[in-house]
Amino acid sequence: MSEQNIELHRRTLEAFNARDVEAFLAFVDPSVEYHPVIATIGGVTVYHGHEGIRSWFEDFEEVWGEVRVEPEAYFDLGERTLMFYRLQARGRQSGAEVSMELAMVVRWRENLLVYSKVYTERAEALSELGVSEDALEPIAP
């Protein structure tokens, strides 16, 4: 089951990188709780449900022109997956380039994403999961 969760995580990332909201939502539970990096940095916004995800895509597009998520490794934690990745982006108005190493924890239920949180510090994600990176076996992107 958990190997399937890694594949689901990959497919949600593909849909995000393609900016295909409907394809992304096909992997998302209607009651999802989504904590994107914008919430982590700004400490403001958590998105709920499919309408929340649509709003997140709109908010994201409003601020960022070019965006690419490049996975570095996935980790299988049963009902949860962890992804280490690099976010490459360029501000829509400012043209400012951003490159950040991030971590994302996703919880899955019945093949749907029910919870996601992005961490600006990978160590914080590991700490909240109660694991060390040394104890995890990375899975190639």
C-alpha atoms as a PDB file:
ATOM      1  CA  MET A   1       0.000   0.000   0.000  1.00  0.00           C
ATOM      2  CA  SER A   2       2.699   2.522   0.918  1.00  0.00           C
ATOM      3  CA  GLU A   3       4.617   2.017  -2.355  1.00  0.00           C
ATOM      4  CA  GLN A   4       1.396   3.094  -3.957  1.00  0.00           C
ATOM      5  CA  ASN A   5       1.486   6.240  -1.808  1.00  0.00           C
ATOM      6  CA  ILE A   6       4.918   7.132  -3.205  1.00  0.00           C
ATOM      7  CA  GLU A   7       3.514   6.779  -6.714  1.00  0.00           C
ATOM      8  CA  LEU A   8       0.526   8.942  -5.758  1.00  0.00           C
ATOM      9  CA  HIS A   9       2.922  11.564  -4.386  1.00  0.00           C
ATOM     10  CA  ARG A  10       4.827  11.541  -7.681  1.00  0.00           C
ATOM     11  CA  ARG A  11       1.631  11.947  -9.662  1.00  0.00           C
ATOM     12  CA  THR A  12       0.395  14.865  -7.559  1.00  0.00           C
ATOM     13  CA  LEU A  13       3.748  16.556  -8.143  1.00  0.00           C
ATOM     14  CA  GLU A  14       3.455  15.984 -11.902  1.00  0.00           C
ATOM     15  CA  ALA A  15      -0.009  17.569 -11.860  1.00  0.00           C
ATOM     16  CA  PHE A  16       1.309  20.536  -9.861  1.00  0.00           C
ATOM     17  CA  ASN A  17       4.282  21.094 -12.188  1.00  0.00           C
ATOM     18  CA  ALA A  18       1.861  20.976 -15.141  1.00  0.00           C
ATOM     19  CA  ARG A  19      -0.444  23.467 -13.326  1.00  0.00           C
ATOM     20  CA  ASP A  20      -3.304  21.016 -13.929  1.00  0.00           C
ATOM     21  CA  VAL A  21      -5.655  21.788 -11.057  1.00  0.00           C
ATOM     22  CA  GLU A  22      -8.236  19.160 -11.993  1.00  0.00           C
ATOM     23  CA  ALA A  23      -5.598  16.408 -12.317  1.00  0.00           C
ATOM     24  CA  PHE A  24      -4.195  17.468  -8.937  1.00  0.00           C
ATOM     25  CA  LEU A  25      -7.667  17.359  -7.344  1.00  0.00           C
ATOM     26  CA  ALA A  26      -8.163  13.806  -8.610  1.00  0.00           C
ATOM     27  CA  PHE A  27      -5.631  12.771  -5.942  1.00  0.00           C
ATOM     28  CA  VAL A  28      -7.063  14.947  -3.164  1.00  0.00           C
ATOM     29  CA  ASP A  29      -9.718  14.132  -0.563  1.00  0.00           C
ATOM     30  CA  PRO A  30     -12.573  16.700  -0.479  1.00  0.00           C
ATOM     31  CA  SER A  31     -11.763  17.391   3.201  1.00  0.00           C
ATOM     32  CA  VAL A  32      -8.020  17.968   2.659  1.00  0.00           C
ATOM     33  CA  GLU A  33      -6.000  20.222   4.960  1.00  0.00           C
ATOM     34  CA  TYR A  34      -3.167  21.799   2.966  1.00  0.00           C
ATOM     35  CA  HIS A  35      -0.283  23.780   4.509  1.00  0.00           C
ATOM     36  CA  PRO A  36       1.826  25.037   1.559  1.00  0.00           C
ATOM     37  CA  VAL A  37       5.164  26.802   1.803  1.00  0.00           C
ATOM     38  CA  ILE A  38       3.382  30.133   1.454  1.00  0.00           C
ATOM     39  CA  ALA A  39       1.656  29.352   4.783  1.00  0.00           C
ATOM     40  CA  THR A  40       4.938  28.264   6.354  1.00  0.00           C
ATOM     41  CA  ILE A  41       6.732  31.457   5.383  1.00  0.00           C
ATOM     42  CA  GLY A  42       3.830  33.841   5.936  1.00  0.00           C
ATOM     43  CA  GLY A  43       2.316  31.917   8.826  1.00  0.00           C
ATOM     44  CA  VAL A  44      -1.115  32.865   7.558  1.00  0.00           C
ATOM     45  CA  THR A  45      -2.921  30.540   5.218  1.00  0.00           C
ATOM     46  CA  VAL A  46      -4.066  26.952   5.466  1.00  0.00           C
ATOM     47  CA  TYR A  47      -6.257  25.737   2.638  1.00  0.00           C
ATOM     48  CA  HIS A  48      -9.200  23.368   3.188  1.00  0.00           C
ATOM     49  CA  GLY A  49     -11.111  21.210   0.725  1.00  0.00           C
ATOM     50  CA  HIS A  50     -11.151  21.248  -3.051  1.00  0.00           C
ATOM     51  CA  GLU A  51     -12.181  24.909  -3.155  1.00  0.00           C
ATOM     52  CA  GLY A  52      -9.236  25.690  -0.904  1.00  0.00           C
ATOM     53  CA  ILE A  53      -6.882  23.890  -3.287  1.00  0.00           C
ATOM     54  CA  ARG A  54      -8.311  25.862  -6.210  1.00  0.00           C
ATOM     55  CA  SER A  55      -7.725  29.072  -4.223  1.00  0.00           C
ATOM     56  CA  TRP A  56      -4.175  27.971  -3.454  1.00  0.00           C
ATOM     57  CA  PHE A  57      -3.447  27.438  -7.161  1.00  0.00           C
ATOM     58  CA  GLU A  58      -4.889  30.907  -7.906  1.00  0.00           C
ATOM     59  CA  ASP A  59      -2.911  32.535  -5.088  1.00  0.00           C
ATOM     60  CA  PHE A  60       0.233  30.783  -6.252  1.00  0.00           C
ATOM     61  CA  GLU A  61      -0.220  31.833  -9.875  1.00  0.00           C
ATOM     62  CA  GLU A  62      -0.843  35.425  -8.793  1.00  0.00           C
ATOM     63  CA  VAL A  63       2.562  35.666  -7.114  1.00  0.00           C
ATOM     64  CA  TRP A  64       4.802  33.337  -9.127  1.00  0.00           C
ATOM     65  CA  GLY A  65       5.464  33.279 -12.844  1.00  0.00           C
ATOM     66  CA  GLU A  66       7.787  30.366 -13.397  1.00  0.00           C
ATOM     67  CA  VAL A  67       7.699  27.598 -10.783  1.00  0.00           C
ATOM     68  CA  ARG A  68       9.192  24.148 -10.759  1.00  0.00           C
ATOM     69  CA  VAL A  69       9.333  21.564  -7.991  1.00  0.00           C
ATOM     70  CA  GLU A  70      12.288  19.208  -8.392  1.00  0.00           C
ATOM     71  CA  PRO A  71      12.075  16.154  -6.132  1.00  0.00           C
ATOM     72  CA  GLU A  72      15.348  14.952  -4.617  1.00  0.00           C
ATOM     73  CA  ALA A  73      14.081  11.935  -2.644  1.00  0.00           C
ATOM     74  CA  TYR A  74      10.909  10.322  -1.373  1.00  0.00           C
ATOM     75  CA  PHE A  75      10.566   8.405   1.864  1.00  0.00           C
ATOM     76  CA  ASP A  76       7.945   5.765   2.597  1.00  0.00           C
ATOM     77  CA  LEU A  77       6.400   6.114   6.051  1.00  0.00           C
ATOM     78  CA  GLY A  78       3.339   3.919   5.567  1.00  0.00           C
ATOM     79  CA  GLU A  79       0.257   6.109   5.485  1.00  0.00           C
ATOM     80  CA  ARG A  80       2.559   9.129   5.161  1.00  0.00           C
ATOM     81  CA  THR A  81       5.154  10.057   2.582  1.00  0.00           C
ATOM     82  CA  LEU A  82       7.989  12.519   2.921  1.00  0.00           C
ATOM     83  CA  MET A  83       9.546  14.317  -0.009  1.00  0.00           C
ATOM     84  CA  PHE A  84      12.734  16.373  -0.009  1.00  0.00           C
ATOM     85  CA  TYR A  85      12.712  18.779  -2.914  1.00  0.00           C
ATOM     86  CA  ARG A  86      13.962  22.019  -4.381  1.00  0.00           C
ATOM     87  CA  LEU A  87      11.528  24.767  -5.283  1.00  0.00           C
ATOM     88  CA  GLN A  88      12.699  26.954  -8.164  1.00  0.00           C
ATOM     89  CA  ALA A  89      10.562  30.014  -8.807  1.00  0.00           C
ATOM     90  CA  ARG A  90      10.536  33.488 -10.301  1.00  0.00           C
ATOM     91  CA  GLY A  91       8.266  36.253  -9.009  1.00  0.00           C
ATOM     92  CA  ARG A  92       5.609  37.289 -11.494  1.00  0.00           C
ATOM     93  CA  GLN A  93       5.953  41.029 -10.848  1.00  0.00           C
ATOM     94  CA  SER A  94       9.452  41.339  -9.407  1.00  0.00           C
ATOM     95  CA  GLY A  95      11.246  38.758 -11.518  1.00  0.00           C
ATOM     96  CA  ALA A  96      13.108  37.761  -8.345  1.00  0.00           C
ATOM     97  CA  GLU A  97      14.442  34.219  -8.464  1.00  0.00           C
ATOM     98  CA  VAL A  98      13.977  31.876  -5.532  1.00  0.00           C
ATOM     99  CA  SER A  99      15.572  28.507  -4.919  1.00  0.00           C
ATOM    100  CA  MET A 100      14.727  26.712  -1.684  1.00  0.00           C
ATOM    101  CA  GLU A 101      15.293  23.248  -0.255  1.00  0.00           C
ATOM    102  CA  LEU A 102      12.050  22.102   1.354  1.00  0.00           C
ATOM    103  CA  ALA A 103      10.382  19.055   2.835  1.00  0.00           C
ATOM    104  CA  MET A 104       6.772  17.973   2.393  1.00  0.00           C
ATOM    105  CA  VAL A 105       4.867  15.523   4.556  1.00  0.00           C
ATOM    106  CA  VAL A 106       1.710  14.032   3.069  1.00  0.00           C
ATOM    107  CA  ARG A 107      -0.806  11.770   4.749  1.00  0.00           C
ATOM    108  CA  TRP A 108      -2.854   9.445   2.538  1.00  0.00           C
ATOM    109  CA  ARG A 109      -6.161   7.689   3.136  1.00  0.00           C
ATOM    110  CA  GLU A 110      -7.846   5.423   0.611  1.00  0.00           C
ATOM    111  CA  ASN A 111      -5.478   6.621  -2.150  1.00  0.00           C
ATOM    112  CA  LEU A 112      -6.251  10.288  -1.556  1.00  0.00           C
ATOM    113  CA  LEU A 113      -4.191  13.091  -0.077  1.00  0.00           C
ATOM    114  CA  VAL A 114      -5.865  14.159   3.181  1.00  0.00           C
ATOM    115  CA  TYR A 115      -3.137  16.314   4.752  1.00  0.00           C
ATOM    116  CA  SER A 116      -0.029  18.045   3.491  1.00  0.00           C
ATOM    117  CA  LYS A 117       2.466  20.335   5.171  1.00  0.00           C
ATOM    118  CA  VAL A 118       5.594  21.951   3.741  1.00  0.00           C
ATOM    119  CA  TYR A 119       8.603  22.685   5.943  1.00  0.00           C
ATOM    120  CA  THR A 120      11.327  25.203   5.190  1.00  0.00           C
ATOM    121  CA  GLU A 121      13.651  23.202   7.459  1.00  0.00           C
ATOM    122  CA  ARG A 122      13.966  19.537   6.607  1.00  0.00           C
ATOM    123  CA  ALA A 123      15.102  18.794  10.163  1.00  0.00           C
ATOM    124  CA  GLU A 124      11.798  20.163  11.461  1.00  0.00           C
ATOM    125  CA  ALA A 125       9.822  17.770   9.270  1.00  0.00           C
ATOM    126  CA  LEU A 126      11.935  14.848  10.471  1.00  0.00           C
ATOM    127  CA  SER A 127      11.526  15.938  14.083  1.00  0.00           C
ATOM    128  CA  GLU A 128       7.751  16.202  13.807  1.00  0.00           C
ATOM    129  CA  LEU A 129       7.685  12.753  12.215  1.00  0.00           C
ATOM    130  CA  GLY A 130       9.870  11.408  15.028  1.00  0.00           C
ATOM    131  CA  VAL A 131      12.496   9.956  12.666  1.00  0.00           C
ATOM    132  CA  SER A 132      16.084  10.665  11.701  1.00  0.00           C
ATOM    133  CA  GLU A 133      17.222  10.898   8.108  1.00  0.00           C
ATOM    134  CA  ASP A 134      19.754   8.132   8.792  1.00  0.00           C
ATOM    135  CA  ALA A 135      16.911   5.763   9.679  1.00  0.00           C
ATOM    136  CA  LEU A 136      15.112   6.363   6.389  1.00  0.00           C
ATOM    137  CA  GLU A 137      15.737   4.730   3.060  1.00  0.00           C
ATOM    138  CA  PRO A 138      15.491   7.244   0.230  1.00  0.00           C
ATOM    139  CA  ILE A 139      13.487   6.367  -2.859  1.00  0.00           C
ATOM    140  CA  ALA A 140      14.654   7.962  -6.099  1.00  0.00           C
ATOM    141  CA  PRO A 141      12.379  10.532  -7.703  1.00  0.00           C
END
